[in-house]
Amino acid sequence: MLQVVEELVRANYRLKKELAQWEKKGTNKQAEEKLTQLNRELEQLKRENRVLREREKLIQNKLERLEVKLDKINL
């Protein structure tokens, strides 16, 4: 009887350890999914930043052209 109890205790320990490993793997999977999501967001922000920089350049060029026109008018 004592032997059966010892085997059950060992089996219980082994199963708890295995469960902990599976939970850890699940956590790693969740972390990987979150990392993938954050990388997607980062790429989107990079694209938006690029577009904003291009727009800024266009606006700056328009301002420079307007300055030239104003200078011509003031002369």
N, C-alpha and C. Protein backbone atom coordinates (compact mmCIF):
# COMPACT_ATOMS: atom_id res chain seq x y z
N MET A 1 0.82 -1.20 0.00
CA MET A 1 0.00 0.00 0.00
C MET A 1 0.87 1.26 0.00
N LEU A 2 1.91 1.24 0.82
CA LEU A 2 2.83 2.37 0.89
C LEU A 2 3.51 2.59 -0.45
N GLN A 3 3.83 1.51 -1.12
CA GLN A 3 4.47 1.60 -2.43
C GLN A 3 3.55 2.27 -3.45
N VAL A 4 2.27 1.95 -3.41
CA VAL A 4 1.29 2.54 -4.33
C VAL A 4 1.18 4.04 -4.06
N VAL A 5 1.15 4.43 -2.80
CA VAL A 5 1.06 5.84 -2.44
C VAL A 5 2.30 6.59 -2.95
N GLU A 6 3.48 5.99 -2.77
CA GLU A 6 4.71 6.62 -3.24
C GLU A 6 4.69 6.78 -4.76
N GLU A 7 4.21 5.78 -5.46
CA GLU A 7 4.11 5.86 -6.93
C GLU A 7 3.14 6.96 -7.34
N LEU A 8 2.03 7.06 -6.62
CA LEU A 8 1.04 8.10 -6.93
C LEU A 8 1.62 9.50 -6.65
N VAL A 9 2.38 9.62 -5.58
CA VAL A 9 3.00 10.91 -5.26
C VAL A 9 3.99 11.29 -6.35
N ARG A 10 4.80 10.33 -6.80
CA ARG A 10 5.76 10.59 -7.87
C ARG A 10 5.05 10.96 -9.17
N ALA A 11 3.98 10.21 -9.47
CA ALA A 11 3.21 10.50 -10.69
C ALA A 11 2.59 11.89 -10.61
N ASN A 12 2.08 12.23 -9.43
CA ASN A 12 1.49 13.55 -9.22
C ASN A 12 2.54 14.65 -9.43
N TYR A 13 3.71 14.46 -8.87
CA TYR A 13 4.81 15.42 -9.02
C TYR A 13 5.19 15.57 -10.49
N ARG A 14 5.32 14.42 -11.17
CA ARG A 14 5.70 14.44 -12.58
C ARG A 14 4.65 15.18 -13.41
N LEU A 15 3.38 14.90 -13.14
CA LEU A 15 2.31 15.56 -13.89
C LEU A 15 2.26 17.07 -13.62
N LYS A 16 2.48 17.45 -12.36
CA LYS A 16 2.51 18.88 -12.05
C LYS A 16 3.66 19.57 -12.77
N LYS A 17 4.80 18.90 -12.80
CA LYS A 17 5.97 19.45 -13.48
C LYS A 17 5.70 19.58 -14.98
N GLU A 18 5.09 18.56 -15.56
CA GLU A 18 4.77 18.58 -16.99
C GLU A 18 3.75 19.68 -17.29
N LEU A 19 2.76 19.83 -16.42
CA LEU A 19 1.76 20.88 -16.59
C LEU A 19 2.41 22.26 -16.54
N ALA A 20 3.33 22.44 -15.61
CA ALA A 20 4.04 23.72 -15.51
C ALA A 20 4.82 24.01 -16.78
N GLN A 21 5.43 22.99 -17.36
CA GLN A 21 6.17 23.18 -18.61
C GLN A 21 5.23 23.57 -19.74
N TRP A 22 4.07 22.92 -19.82
CA TRP A 22 3.10 23.25 -20.87
C TRP A 22 2.58 24.67 -20.69
N GLU A 23 2.33 25.05 -19.43
CA GLU A 23 1.87 26.42 -19.19
C GLU A 23 2.94 27.42 -19.59
N LYS A 24 4.18 27.08 -19.31
CA LYS A 24 5.29 27.95 -19.68
C LYS A 24 5.38 28.08 -21.20
N LYS A 25 5.20 26.97 -21.90
CA LYS A 25 5.21 27.01 -23.37
C LYS A 25 4.08 27.89 -23.88
N GLY A 26 2.92 27.78 -23.24
CA GLY A 26 1.79 28.63 -23.62
C GLY A 26 2.12 30.09 -23.42
N THR A 27 2.80 30.39 -22.32
CA THR A 27 3.21 31.76 -22.04
C THR A 27 4.19 32.24 -23.10
N ASN A 28 5.11 31.37 -23.48
CA ASN A 28 6.05 31.73 -24.54
C ASN A 28 5.31 32.01 -25.84
N LYS A 29 4.30 31.20 -26.11
CA LYS A 29 3.52 31.40 -27.34
C LYS A 29 2.80 32.75 -27.27
N GLN A 30 2.25 33.06 -26.12
CA GLN A 30 1.58 34.35 -25.96
C GLN A 30 2.58 35.49 -26.14
N ALA A 31 3.77 35.32 -25.58
CA ALA A 31 4.80 36.35 -25.72
C ALA A 31 5.20 36.51 -27.18
N GLU A 32 5.32 35.39 -27.90
CA GLU A 32 5.67 35.45 -29.32
C GLU A 32 4.58 36.16 -30.11
N GLU A 33 3.30 35.86 -29.79
CA GLU A 33 2.20 36.52 -30.48
C GLU A 33 2.21 38.02 -30.21
N LYS A 34 2.46 38.39 -28.96
CA LYS A 34 2.52 39.80 -28.60
C LYS A 34 3.67 40.49 -29.33
N LEU A 35 4.81 39.81 -29.39
CA LEU A 35 5.98 40.35 -30.09
C LEU A 35 5.67 40.54 -31.57
N THR A 36 5.00 39.58 -32.17
CA THR A 36 4.62 39.68 -33.58
C THR A 36 3.69 40.87 -33.79
N GLN A 37 2.73 41.02 -32.88
CA GLN A 37 1.79 42.14 -32.98
C GLN A 37 2.53 43.47 -32.84
N LEU A 38 3.44 43.55 -31.89
CA LEU A 38 4.20 44.79 -31.70
C LEU A 38 5.09 45.10 -32.91
N ASN A 39 5.65 44.06 -33.52
CA ASN A 39 6.46 44.27 -34.72
C ASN A 39 5.60 44.81 -35.86
N ARG A 40 4.37 44.28 -35.99
CA ARG A 40 3.45 44.79 -37.02
C ARG A 40 3.14 46.26 -36.78
N GLU A 41 2.87 46.60 -35.51
CA GLU A 41 2.58 47.99 -35.17
C GLU A 41 3.78 48.88 -35.46
N LEU A 42 4.97 48.38 -35.16
CA LEU A 42 6.19 49.14 -35.42
C LEU A 42 6.35 49.42 -36.91
N GLU A 43 6.11 48.41 -37.74
CA GLU A 43 6.22 48.60 -39.19
C GLU A 43 5.19 49.61 -39.68
N GLN A 44 3.97 49.55 -39.13
CA GLN A 44 2.93 50.50 -39.51
C GLN A 44 3.35 51.92 -39.12
N LEU A 45 3.90 52.07 -37.92
CA LEU A 45 4.35 53.39 -37.48
C LEU A 45 5.50 53.91 -38.34
N LYS A 46 6.38 53.02 -38.75
CA LYS A 46 7.48 53.43 -39.63
C LYS A 46 6.93 53.94 -40.96
N ARG A 47 5.93 53.23 -41.51
CA ARG A 47 5.32 53.68 -42.77
C ARG A 47 4.66 55.05 -42.60
N GLU A 48 3.92 55.20 -41.49
CA GLU A 48 3.26 56.48 -41.24
C GLU A 48 4.28 57.59 -41.08
N ASN A 49 5.37 57.30 -40.39
CA ASN A 49 6.43 58.29 -40.20
C ASN A 49 7.04 58.70 -41.54
N ARG A 50 7.26 57.73 -42.41
CA ARG A 50 7.81 58.00 -43.73
C ARG A 50 6.87 58.92 -44.52
N VAL A 51 5.57 58.62 -44.46
CA VAL A 51 4.59 59.43 -45.17
C VAL A 51 4.58 60.86 -44.61
N LEU A 52 4.63 60.96 -43.29
CA LEU A 52 4.63 62.28 -42.68
C LEU A 52 5.87 63.09 -43.05
N ARG A 53 7.01 62.44 -43.11
CA ARG A 53 8.23 63.14 -43.52
C ARG A 53 8.12 63.62 -44.96
N GLU A 54 7.53 62.80 -45.84
CA GLU A 54 7.35 63.21 -47.23
C GLU A 54 6.41 64.40 -47.32
N ARG A 55 5.33 64.37 -46.54
CA ARG A 55 4.39 65.49 -46.54
C ARG A 55 5.07 66.76 -46.01
N GLU A 56 5.88 66.58 -44.98
CA GLU A 56 6.59 67.72 -44.42
C GLU A 56 7.50 68.36 -45.47
N LYS A 57 8.18 67.54 -46.25
CA LYS A 57 9.05 68.07 -47.31
C LYS A 57 8.23 68.82 -48.36
N LEU A 58 7.08 68.26 -48.73
CA LEU A 58 6.23 68.94 -49.71
C LEU A 58 5.75 70.29 -49.19
N ILE A 59 5.35 70.32 -47.94
CA ILE A 59 4.89 71.58 -47.35
C ILE A 59 6.03 72.58 -47.28
N GLN A 60 7.20 72.11 -46.90
CA GLN A 60 8.37 73.00 -46.84
C GLN A 60 8.69 73.58 -48.22
N ASN A 61 8.61 72.75 -49.25
CA ASN A 61 8.84 73.23 -50.62
C ASN A 61 7.81 74.28 -51.02
N LYS A 62 6.55 74.05 -50.67
CA LYS A 62 5.50 75.01 -50.99
C LYS A 62 5.75 76.33 -50.28
N LEU A 63 6.16 76.25 -49.02
CA LEU A 63 6.46 77.47 -48.27
C LEU A 63 7.61 78.24 -48.91
N GLU A 64 8.63 77.54 -49.32
CA GLU A 64 9.76 78.20 -49.97
C GLU A 64 9.32 78.89 -51.26
N ARG A 65 8.48 78.22 -52.03
CA ARG A 65 7.99 78.83 -53.28
C ARG A 65 7.14 80.06 -53.00
N LEU A 66 6.32 79.97 -51.95
CA LEU A 66 5.51 81.13 -51.58
C LEU A 66 6.37 82.30 -51.12
N GLU A 67 7.44 82.01 -50.40
CA GLU A 67 8.36 83.06 -49.97
C GLU A 67 8.97 83.76 -51.18
N VAL A 68 9.36 82.98 -52.17
CA VAL A 68 9.94 83.56 -53.38
C VAL A 68 8.91 84.44 -54.07
N LYS A 69 7.68 83.99 -54.16
CA LYS A 69 6.62 84.79 -54.81
C LYS A 69 6.37 86.07 -54.03
N LEU A 70 6.36 85.96 -52.70
CA LEU A 70 6.16 87.16 -51.89
C LEU A 70 7.30 88.15 -52.05
N ASP A 71 8.51 87.63 -52.12
CA ASP A 71 9.66 88.51 -52.34
C ASP A 71 9.54 89.23 -53.68
N LYS A 72 9.08 88.52 -54.70
CA LYS A 72 8.92 89.14 -56.02
C LYS A 72 7.85 90.23 -55.97
N ILE A 73 6.79 89.97 -55.22
CA ILE A 73 5.71 90.96 -55.12
C ILE A 73 6.20 92.20 -54.37
N ASN A 74 6.98 91.99 -53.33
CA ASN A 74 7.48 93.11 -52.51
C ASN A 74 8.52 93.94 -53.24
N LEU A 75 9.16 93.39 -54.23
CA LEU A 75 10.16 94.15 -54.98
C LEU A 75 9.45 95.06 -55.91
